[in-house]
């Protein structure tokens, strides 16, 4: 039977309506294999890089292997040079100098390496009733109840007064001990269960259980604490006072895994925003030719707490990196840095919220991203009346649309929830303040900020394609 001819209205509908498509249904078997391979490599990265120092170290190794040089070791910068700078092991800036030179602006992709977690307080070790704990302070926006009764690992550094740095990574290997935060048994939790989710677990109660075996000496008052400190001293040659100069983070001990019978998703801790970190890093190093415009990668710190500090985007360190590139190119002059920023483009590579049908009431279904439907663009973030948002201009959004559509990259434009439902922010406004044209562009996430977040493998690969096209062809 011949296919029924489409009606005039149907043809008009196909021409005029914006109907989003699921990326999997549009993909060939060859592309699906590419997506799955990329996701495997991404999960390897996640398992090696749970905190920002580890992301920085991983990134440095990748950059070194791909011909990038530390800017401190370079006297002159020329077209085609690959350069990076590591800021205190917690943020990374990398660049490939384009054919048109630095004076004609930059194409910047900027993500952040930090994720919500628990940090140790400066004086963390205490004993109570035969148990020893680490006292913690939570970092970033978390639901505190989600961090109890799960396996946690200890990552970070201790720096002794003589400058010796001790790196900790305990709880990730099969033979390592793990740690946890206890919760009240339901049989005795009638009062706790009457509380709201926000205060059912208090911040001061997020203390990590680390031991219960006593040191055998009746003259010692805190036997379990002494035994724990002896174990740490025997292995790391540290004392309790050395925690004063430590940066120790508690993160879920879960491994990144494929999710679903069809393995179409990734479940892992810290995908906000390491999914964009990895996709952007790969986009930079996978370019086959020197771009026309200089390509710049930012992997920043402290975004989850406002981008403050000398490793966050609010610092001047990134400006100094670009200024040094200009100086070593032999073209620097007063106000040139400001001019370069004003003719630059940026994808603020940060995650968005994926539509979750279990919690549909917080989303505007016409203005939300769907997992598996491509990379997510967010014209503005902020909260309520767009407060705190850079709000990308229509001209720049049109350029990004044109780029993605010309390259066949599926994308969707969304908001972070319904009006007045909440809100959030990224580093976009910081670069916008410098005069850069910027829009948020990342991967939609389920269970954002939870110990185990979920993303679509299609969207991860779509973000990689988007960042690579932006580096290579954005004018």
Protein backbone atom coordinates (compact mmCIF):
# COMPACT_ATOMS: atom_id res chain seq x y z
CA UNK A 1 0.00 0.00 0.00
CA UNK A 2 1.33 3.43 -0.90
CA UNK A 3 2.22 5.73 1.98
CA UNK A 4 -0.54 8.24 2.54
CA UNK A 5 0.41 11.69 1.27
CA UNK A 6 1.01 14.19 4.06
CA UNK A 7 -1.59 16.89 4.42
CA UNK A 8 -0.80 20.56 3.98
CA UNK A 9 -1.25 21.09 7.70
CA UNK A 10 1.12 18.22 8.54
CA UNK A 11 3.80 19.61 6.24
CA UNK A 12 3.34 23.05 7.76
CA UNK A 13 3.59 21.58 11.25
CA UNK A 14 6.90 19.87 10.40
CA UNK A 15 8.24 23.13 9.01
CA UNK A 16 7.18 25.46 11.80
CA UNK A 17 7.09 23.46 15.05
CA UNK A 18 10.19 22.91 17.17
CA UNK A 19 9.92 19.23 17.98
CA UNK A 20 12.79 17.86 20.03
CA UNK A 21 14.13 14.43 19.21
CA UNK A 22 15.74 11.74 21.33
CA UNK A 23 19.36 11.44 20.28
CA UNK A 24 19.51 7.67 20.52
CA UNK A 25 16.84 7.27 17.85
CA UNK A 26 18.81 9.52 15.50
CA UNK A 27 22.12 7.67 15.99
CA UNK A 28 23.73 5.05 13.78
CA UNK A 29 25.24 1.91 15.29
CA UNK A 30 28.67 3.35 14.57
CA UNK A 31 27.92 6.50 16.54
CA UNK A 32 26.42 4.52 19.41
CA UNK A 33 29.69 2.61 19.69
CA UNK A 34 31.61 5.91 19.79
CA UNK A 35 29.29 7.16 22.53
CA UNK A 36 29.75 4.00 24.62
CA UNK A 37 33.53 4.09 24.25
CA UNK A 38 33.65 7.76 25.24
CA UNK A 39 31.47 7.02 28.29
CA UNK A 40 33.83 4.22 29.40
CA UNK A 41 36.77 6.63 29.21
CA UNK A 42 34.75 9.24 31.10
CA UNK A 43 33.93 6.77 33.89
CA UNK A 44 37.63 5.88 34.19
CA UNK A 45 38.34 9.60 34.67
CA UNK A 46 35.61 9.89 37.32
CA UNK A 47 37.01 7.00 39.33
CA UNK A 48 40.47 8.60 39.28
CA UNK A 49 39.34 12.18 39.91
CA UNK A 50 36.89 12.63 42.77
CA UNK A 51 38.32 15.88 44.16
CA UNK A 52 39.71 18.97 42.45
CA UNK A 53 43.38 18.16 43.14
CA UNK A 54 42.89 14.80 41.46
CA UNK A 55 41.14 16.40 38.48
CA UNK A 56 44.03 18.85 38.21
CA UNK A 57 46.64 16.08 38.32
CA UNK A 58 44.74 13.98 35.77
CA UNK A 59 44.39 17.01 33.49
CA UNK A 60 48.08 17.86 33.74
CA UNK A 61 49.04 14.32 32.73
CA UNK A 62 46.72 14.47 29.72
CA UNK A 63 47.97 17.90 28.65
CA UNK A 64 51.62 16.84 28.99
CA UNK A 65 51.01 13.74 26.87
CA UNK A 66 49.36 15.87 24.18
CA UNK A 67 52.15 18.38 23.71
CA UNK A 68 51.05 21.18 26.05
CA UNK A 69 53.78 23.13 27.88
CA UNK A 70 53.70 24.93 31.20
CA UNK A 71 53.64 28.68 30.56
CA UNK A 72 56.36 29.16 33.18
CA UNK A 73 58.75 27.21 30.94
CA UNK A 74 58.02 29.19 27.76
CA UNK A 75 59.64 32.51 26.81
CA UNK A 76 57.80 33.15 23.53
CA UNK A 77 54.27 32.28 22.43
CA UNK A 78 53.47 31.64 18.75
CA UNK A 79 50.55 30.40 16.65
CA UNK A 80 49.86 26.72 17.28
CA UNK A 81 51.52 26.64 20.70
CA UNK A 82 49.79 24.55 23.36
CA UNK A 83 50.13 26.09 26.81
CA UNK A 84 48.75 25.56 30.31
CA UNK A 85 49.00 26.86 33.85
CA UNK A 86 48.12 25.00 37.05
CA UNK A 87 46.88 27.24 39.84
CA UNK A 88 47.71 25.73 43.24
CA UNK A 89 46.73 22.23 42.07
CA UNK A 90 43.05 23.24 42.14
CA UNK A 91 42.36 25.05 38.88
CA UNK A 92 43.71 24.70 35.34
CA UNK A 93 43.90 27.05 32.37
CA UNK A 94 44.99 25.74 28.96
CA UNK A 95 45.16 27.32 25.51
CA UNK A 96 45.94 26.56 21.88
CA UNK A 97 47.04 29.78 20.14
CA UNK A 98 44.89 30.32 17.05
CA UNK A 99 45.86 31.41 13.56
CA UNK A 100 44.28 34.84 13.95
CA UNK A 101 46.28 35.55 17.11
CA UNK A 102 45.23 36.53 20.60
CA UNK A 103 44.25 40.06 19.60
CA UNK A 104 41.19 38.72 17.77
CA UNK A 105 39.65 37.22 20.88
CA UNK A 106 39.25 33.81 22.47
CA UNK A 107 36.86 30.89 22.33
CA UNK A 108 36.59 29.82 25.96
CA UNK A 109 35.00 26.71 27.45
CA UNK A 110 34.91 26.91 31.24
CA UNK A 111 33.87 24.19 33.70
CA UNK A 112 34.42 23.68 37.42
CA UNK A 113 36.19 20.80 39.16
CA UNK A 114 34.69 21.03 42.65
CA UNK A 115 31.57 19.14 43.72
CA UNK A 116 29.41 19.10 46.87
CA UNK A 117 31.05 17.08 49.62
CA UNK A 118 32.03 17.06 53.29
CA UNK A 119 35.25 18.71 54.51
CA UNK A 120 37.05 18.04 57.79
CA UNK A 121 37.03 20.84 60.32
CA UNK A 122 40.48 22.14 61.43
CA UNK A 123 40.29 20.16 64.69
CA UNK A 124 38.38 17.09 63.52
CA UNK A 125 39.31 14.14 65.77
CA UNK A 126 37.26 13.34 68.86
CA UNK A 127 36.18 10.34 70.93
CA UNK A 128 32.72 9.74 72.38
CA UNK A 129 31.48 6.62 74.14
CA UNK A 130 34.03 4.27 72.62
CA UNK A 131 33.80 5.62 69.07
CA UNK A 132 36.14 8.02 67.29
CA UNK A 133 34.86 10.48 64.73
CA UNK A 134 36.00 13.09 62.24
CA UNK A 135 34.06 16.32 62.71
CA UNK A 136 32.96 17.81 59.37
CA UNK A 137 31.61 20.88 57.61
CA UNK A 138 29.56 20.37 54.47
CA UNK A 139 30.67 22.07 51.24
CA UNK A 140 28.15 23.31 48.69
CA UNK A 141 24.43 22.65 48.44
CA UNK A 142 23.60 19.19 49.75
CA UNK A 143 20.61 17.35 51.16
CA UNK A 144 22.23 16.34 54.44
CA UNK A 145 20.17 13.17 54.94
CA UNK A 146 21.59 11.73 51.70
CA UNK A 147 25.08 11.57 53.22
CA UNK A 148 24.27 9.17 56.06
CA UNK A 149 24.64 5.37 55.94
CA UNK A 150 26.60 5.31 52.67
CA UNK A 151 30.24 4.26 52.20
CA UNK A 152 32.53 7.28 52.24
CA UNK A 153 36.18 7.66 51.23
CA UNK A 154 38.82 10.08 52.49
CA UNK A 155 40.72 12.16 49.90
CA UNK A 156 43.02 15.15 50.22
CA UNK A 157 46.32 16.40 51.55
CA UNK A 158 48.03 17.08 54.85
CA UNK A 159 50.89 19.58 54.75
CA UNK A 160 53.33 19.48 57.65
CA UNK A 161 55.15 22.56 58.93
CA UNK A 162 58.36 21.47 57.17
CA UNK A 163 56.50 21.61 53.83
CA UNK A 164 56.12 17.85 53.42
CA UNK A 165 52.82 17.06 51.67
CA UNK A 166 51.01 13.80 52.39
CA UNK A 167 48.35 12.70 49.92
CA UNK A 168 45.41 10.66 51.23
CA UNK A 169 43.12 8.41 49.22
CA UNK A 170 41.50 5.86 51.52
CA UNK A 171 38.38 3.86 50.79
CA UNK A 172 38.54 3.45 47.01
CA UNK A 173 40.51 0.20 46.73
CA UNK A 174 38.93 -3.17 47.45
CA UNK A 175 41.14 -3.81 50.47
CA UNK A 176 40.80 -0.31 51.94
CA UNK A 177 38.58 0.37 54.93
CA UNK A 178 35.60 2.59 54.26
CA UNK A 179 33.86 5.06 56.56
CA UNK A 180 30.28 6.12 57.17
CA UNK A 181 27.97 8.52 58.99
CA UNK A 182 25.40 6.73 61.12
CA UNK A 183 21.67 7.43 61.33
CA UNK A 184 18.98 6.70 63.90
CA UNK A 185 17.18 3.37 63.71
CA UNK A 186 13.50 3.72 62.66
CA UNK A 187 12.34 2.02 65.87
CA UNK A 188 13.51 5.06 67.87
CA UNK A 189 13.08 7.76 65.24
CA UNK A 190 9.49 8.88 65.85
CA UNK A 191 10.56 12.44 66.74
CA UNK A 192 13.15 12.61 63.97
CA UNK A 193 10.56 11.49 61.42
CA UNK A 194 8.35 14.45 62.33
CA UNK A 195 11.04 16.87 61.19
CA UNK A 196 11.34 18.23 57.67
CA UNK A 197 13.91 16.79 55.26
CA UNK A 198 16.05 19.90 55.67
CA UNK A 199 16.57 19.45 59.42
CA UNK A 200 16.04 15.73 59.93
CA UNK A 201 19.83 15.47 59.98
CA UNK A 202 21.65 18.46 61.46
CA UNK A 203 24.90 19.70 59.91
CA UNK A 204 26.75 19.20 63.19
CA UNK A 205 25.70 15.55 63.18
CA UNK A 206 27.44 14.73 59.88
CA UNK A 207 30.41 13.24 61.69
CA UNK A 208 32.38 10.37 60.18
CA UNK A 209 32.81 7.19 62.18
CA UNK A 210 36.48 6.16 61.89
CA UNK A 211 37.23 3.64 64.65
CA UNK A 212 36.36 1.82 67.88
CA UNK A 213 39.43 -0.20 68.91
CA UNK A 214 41.04 1.04 72.16
CA UNK A 215 44.74 1.45 72.89
CA UNK A 216 45.56 -0.98 75.69
CA UNK A 217 46.74 1.30 78.48
CA UNK A 218 44.42 1.96 81.42
CA UNK A 219 46.20 5.23 82.24
CA UNK A 220 45.06 6.78 78.93
CA UNK A 221 41.78 8.72 79.06
CA UNK A 222 40.84 8.52 75.34
CA UNK A 223 42.02 5.09 74.36
CA UNK A 224 40.29 4.77 70.96
CA UNK A 225 41.40 8.23 69.84
CA UNK A 226 44.97 7.42 70.82
CA UNK A 227 44.86 4.17 68.86
CA UNK A 228 43.53 5.92 65.74
CA UNK A 229 46.18 8.65 65.98
CA UNK A 230 48.86 5.98 66.46
CA UNK A 231 47.68 4.20 63.27
CA UNK A 232 47.88 7.50 61.37
CA UNK A 233 51.26 8.33 62.89
CA UNK A 234 52.68 4.91 62.02
CA UNK A 235 51.54 5.20 58.41
CA UNK A 236 51.87 8.92 57.67
CA UNK A 237 54.13 10.25 60.47
CA UNK A 238 51.52 12.85 61.46
CA UNK A 239 50.13 14.05 64.78
CA UNK A 240 46.73 15.51 65.63
CA UNK A 241 48.10 19.03 65.19
CA UNK A 242 48.91 18.35 61.52
CA UNK A 243 45.18 18.39 60.74
CA UNK A 244 45.37 22.16 61.23
CA UNK A 245 47.09 22.45 57.84
CA UNK A 246 45.11 19.85 55.92
CA UNK A 247 42.55 19.83 53.13
CA UNK A 248 40.68 16.57 53.57
CA UNK A 249 37.44 15.85 51.73
CA UNK A 250 34.92 13.07 52.30
CA UNK A 251 33.32 11.74 49.13
CA UNK A 252 31.16 8.72 48.29
CA UNK A 253 33.17 5.53 47.80
CA UNK A 254 30.85 4.49 44.96
CA UNK A 255 32.43 3.72 41.60
CA UNK A 256 31.14 5.28 38.40
CA UNK A 257 28.99 2.65 36.67
CA UNK A 258 26.79 2.19 33.64
CA UNK A 259 23.13 2.48 34.61
CA UNK A 260 20.17 0.56 33.19
CA UNK A 261 19.68 -2.74 31.41
CA UNK A 262 20.62 -0.88 28.22
CA UNK A 263 23.69 0.81 29.80
CA UNK A 264 22.44 4.12 28.39
CA UNK A 265 23.30 6.21 31.45
CA UNK A 266 26.16 6.91 33.84
CA UNK A 267 25.67 6.83 37.61
CA UNK A 268 28.48 8.45 39.59
CA UNK A 269 29.43 10.96 42.25
CA UNK A 270 30.57 14.43 41.18
CA UNK A 271 29.19 14.60 37.64
CA UNK A 272 28.36 18.21 38.49
CA UNK A 273 30.61 19.38 37.02
CA UNK A 274 33.22 16.78 36.13
CA UNK A 275 31.12 15.65 33.17
CA UNK A 276 31.78 19.03 31.56
CA UNK A 277 35.42 19.05 32.70
CA UNK A 278 36.16 15.80 30.92
CA UNK A 279 34.13 16.59 27.79
CA UNK A 280 35.80 20.00 27.44
CA UNK A 281 39.30 18.63 28.06
CA UNK A 282 38.79 15.96 25.42
CA UNK A 283 37.40 18.54 23.01
CA UNK A 284 40.56 20.64 23.39
CA UNK A 285 43.09 17.85 22.96
CA UNK A 286 41.18 16.07 20.16
CA UNK A 287 41.35 18.99 17.72
CA UNK A 288 43.26 17.90 14.61
CA UNK A 289 44.11 21.35 13.30
CA UNK A 290 45.13 24.72 14.71
CA UNK A 291 41.91 26.71 15.26
CA UNK A 292 41.38 30.11 13.72
CA UNK A 293 40.55 31.69 17.07
CA UNK A 294 42.58 30.88 20.19
CA UNK A 295 40.94 28.06 22.16
CA UNK A 296 40.99 28.34 25.95
CA UNK A 297 39.95 25.77 28.54
CA UNK A 298 39.11 26.76 32.12
CA UNK A 299 38.74 24.17 34.88
CA UNK A 300 37.99 26.23 37.96
CA UNK A 301 37.48 25.63 41.67
CA UNK A 302 35.05 26.86 44.34
CA UNK A 303 32.02 27.26 42.04
CA UNK A 304 29.82 25.38 44.48
CA UNK A 305 30.46 28.01 47.17
CA UNK A 306 30.45 31.16 45.05
CA UNK A 307 33.71 30.95 43.04
CA UNK A 308 35.58 32.90 45.73
CA UNK A 309 39.21 32.43 46.77
CA UNK A 310 42.43 32.42 44.78
CA UNK A 311 41.49 29.22 42.90
CA UNK A 312 37.94 30.34 42.08
CA UNK A 313 36.88 32.30 39.01
CA UNK A 314 36.45 35.50 41.02
CA UNK A 315 40.25 35.65 41.43
CA UNK A 316 42.54 37.46 38.98
CA UNK A 317 44.65 34.39 38.19
CA UNK A 318 42.89 33.61 34.91
CA UNK A 319 43.31 37.25 33.81
CA UNK A 320 47.00 36.95 34.63
CA UNK A 321 47.26 33.82 32.47
CA UNK A 322 45.79 35.57 29.44
CA UNK A 323 47.88 38.69 30.10
CA UNK A 324 51.02 36.56 30.21
CA UNK A 325 50.06 34.95 26.88
CA UNK A 326 49.74 38.44 25.41
CA UNK A 327 53.09 39.49 26.86
CA UNK A 328 54.90 36.39 25.64
CA UNK A 329 53.32 36.90 22.21
CA UNK A 330 55.02 40.30 22.13
CA UNK A 331 51.78 42.23 21.62
CA UNK A 332 50.69 43.30 25.10
CA UNK A 333 49.83 46.92 25.75
CA UNK A 334 47.57 48.87 28.12
CA UNK A 335 43.88 47.85 27.94
CA UNK A 336 44.54 45.05 25.41
CA UNK A 337 43.40 42.39 27.90
CA UNK A 338 40.06 44.16 28.33
CA UNK A 339 39.66 44.45 24.55
CA UNK A 340 40.42 40.76 24.05
CA UNK A 341 37.75 39.76 26.56
CA UNK A 342 35.18 42.05 24.91
CA UNK A 343 35.56 40.23 21.57
CA UNK A 344 35.66 36.73 23.07
CA UNK A 345 33.06 33.95 23.20
CA UNK A 346 32.41 31.45 25.95
CA UNK A 347 30.47 28.30 26.70
CA UNK A 348 30.05 28.16 30.45
CA UNK A 349 30.25 24.39 30.67
CA UNK A 350 28.03 23.56 33.61
CA UNK A 351 25.30 21.01 34.12
CA UNK A 352 21.57 21.58 34.05
CA UNK A 353 18.62 19.82 35.61
CA UNK A 354 17.14 16.92 33.65
CA UNK A 355 13.38 16.43 33.67
CA UNK A 356 12.45 13.81 36.25
CA UNK A 357 8.87 12.50 35.86
CA UNK A 358 8.89 11.49 39.54
CA UNK A 359 9.22 15.17 40.47
CA UNK A 360 7.41 16.77 37.54
CA UNK A 361 5.80 19.56 39.55
CA UNK A 362 8.98 21.69 39.76
CA UNK A 363 9.58 21.79 35.99
CA UNK A 364 8.05 23.68 33.09
CA UNK A 365 7.91 20.83 30.61
CA UNK A 366 8.31 23.13 27.61
CA UNK A 367 11.43 24.72 29.13
CA UNK A 368 13.32 21.83 30.63
CA UNK A 369 16.02 19.50 29.31
CA UNK A 370 15.33 15.81 28.73
CA UNK A 371 18.00 13.17 29.24
CA UNK A 372 19.16 11.79 25.90
CA UNK A 373 17.97 14.78 23.85
CA UNK A 374 21.35 16.46 23.44
CA UNK A 375 23.47 19.12 25.08
CA UNK A 376 21.61 21.69 27.19
CA UNK A 377 21.84 25.45 26.69
CA UNK A 378 20.68 27.74 29.47
CA UNK A 379 20.26 31.38 28.43
CA UNK A 380 20.01 32.53 32.04
CA UNK A 381 20.26 30.95 35.47
CA UNK A 382 19.84 32.89 38.72
CA UNK A 383 16.69 32.72 40.80
CA UNK A 384 13.24 34.30 40.79
CA UNK A 385 13.44 37.43 38.57
CA UNK A 386 16.64 36.16 36.84
CA UNK A 387 18.57 37.48 39.85
CA UNK A 388 22.31 36.80 39.54
CA UNK A 389 22.15 35.82 35.86
CA UNK A 390 24.26 37.07 32.95
CA UNK A 391 21.38 36.39 30.47
CA UNK A 392 22.94 35.70 27.07
CA UNK A 393 21.97 38.07 24.25
CA UNK A 394 19.82 36.93 21.33
CA UNK A 395 22.62 37.58 18.81
CA UNK A 396 25.02 35.27 20.62
CA UNK A 397 22.38 32.56 21.12
CA UNK A 398 21.69 32.69 17.37
CA UNK A 399 25.39 32.18 16.61
CA UNK A 400 25.52 29.13 18.88
CA UNK A 401 22.33 27.74 17.31
CA UNK A 402 23.80 28.20 13.85
CA UNK A 403 27.02 26.45 14.84
CA UNK A 404 25.31 23.44 16.40
CA UNK A 405 22.72 23.08 13.66
CA UNK A 406 25.35 23.30 10.93
CA UNK A 407 27.30 20.48 12.63
CA UNK A 408 24.23 18.31 13.30
CA UNK A 409 24.61 18.58 17.08
CA UNK A 410 21.38 18.03 18.98
CA UNK A 411 20.74 20.71 21.58
CA UNK A 412 17.94 21.93 23.81
CA UNK A 413 17.40 25.24 25.60
CA UNK A 414 16.09 25.08 29.15
CA UNK A 415 15.58 26.80 32.48
CA UNK A 416 16.45 25.56 35.96
CA UNK A 417 12.93 24.74 37.11
CA UNK A 418 9.69 26.70 37.16
CA UNK A 419 9.64 30.40 37.95
CA UNK A 420 10.08 30.90 41.72
CA UNK A 421 10.73 27.17 42.25
CA UNK A 422 14.35 27.86 43.21
CA UNK A 423 17.40 28.57 41.09
CA UNK A 424 21.15 28.35 40.87
CA UNK A 425 24.21 29.88 39.28
CA UNK A 426 27.39 29.14 37.33
CA UNK A 427 30.62 30.96 36.45
CA UNK A 428 28.95 32.56 33.39
CA UNK A 429 28.32 35.94 35.06
CA UNK A 430 32.00 36.29 36.02
CA UNK A 431 33.20 36.13 32.42
CA UNK A 432 30.23 38.22 31.29
CA UNK A 433 31.44 40.92 33.71
CA UNK A 434 34.68 41.03 31.69
CA UNK A 435 32.71 41.64 28.50
CA UNK A 436 32.74 38.07 27.14
CA UNK A 437 29.69 36.78 25.24
CA UNK A 438 28.68 33.71 27.25
CA UNK A 439 25.96 31.11 27.58
CA UNK A 440 25.68 28.06 29.83
CA UNK A 441 26.08 24.83 27.90
CA UNK A 442 26.33 21.42 29.56
CA UNK A 443 24.77 18.07 30.38
CA UNK A 444 21.38 17.58 32.02
CA UNK A 445 21.64 15.68 35.32
CA UNK A 446 19.21 13.67 37.43
CA UNK A 447 19.67 13.82 41.23
CA UNK A 448 22.04 16.80 40.97
CA UNK A 449 24.23 17.33 44.08
CA UNK A 450 23.32 13.89 45.43
CA UNK A 451 26.05 11.35 46.27
CA UNK A 452 25.07 9.48 43.10
CA UNK A 453 24.10 11.55 40.05
CA UNK A 454 22.75 10.27 36.72
CA UNK A 455 23.47 11.44 33.16
CA UNK A 456 22.73 10.18 29.67
CA UNK A 457 25.70 8.85 27.72
CA UNK A 458 24.24 10.46 24.60
CA UNK A 459 24.26 13.89 26.25
CA UNK A 460 27.84 13.43 27.48
CA UNK A 461 29.03 12.77 23.95
CA UNK A 462 26.84 15.59 22.64
CA UNK A 463 28.58 18.01 25.03
CA UNK A 464 31.95 16.82 23.74
CA UNK A 465 30.82 17.41 20.16
CA UNK A 466 29.49 20.87 21.06
CA UNK A 467 32.68 21.99 22.81
CA UNK A 468 34.88 20.65 20.02
CA UNK A 469 32.83 22.42 17.32
CA UNK A 470 32.94 25.63 19.38
CA UNK A 471 36.75 25.46 19.70
CA UNK A 472 37.23 24.64 16.03
CA UNK A 473 34.73 26.85 14.24
CA UNK A 474 33.20 29.57 16.43
CA UNK A 475 33.92 32.99 14.88
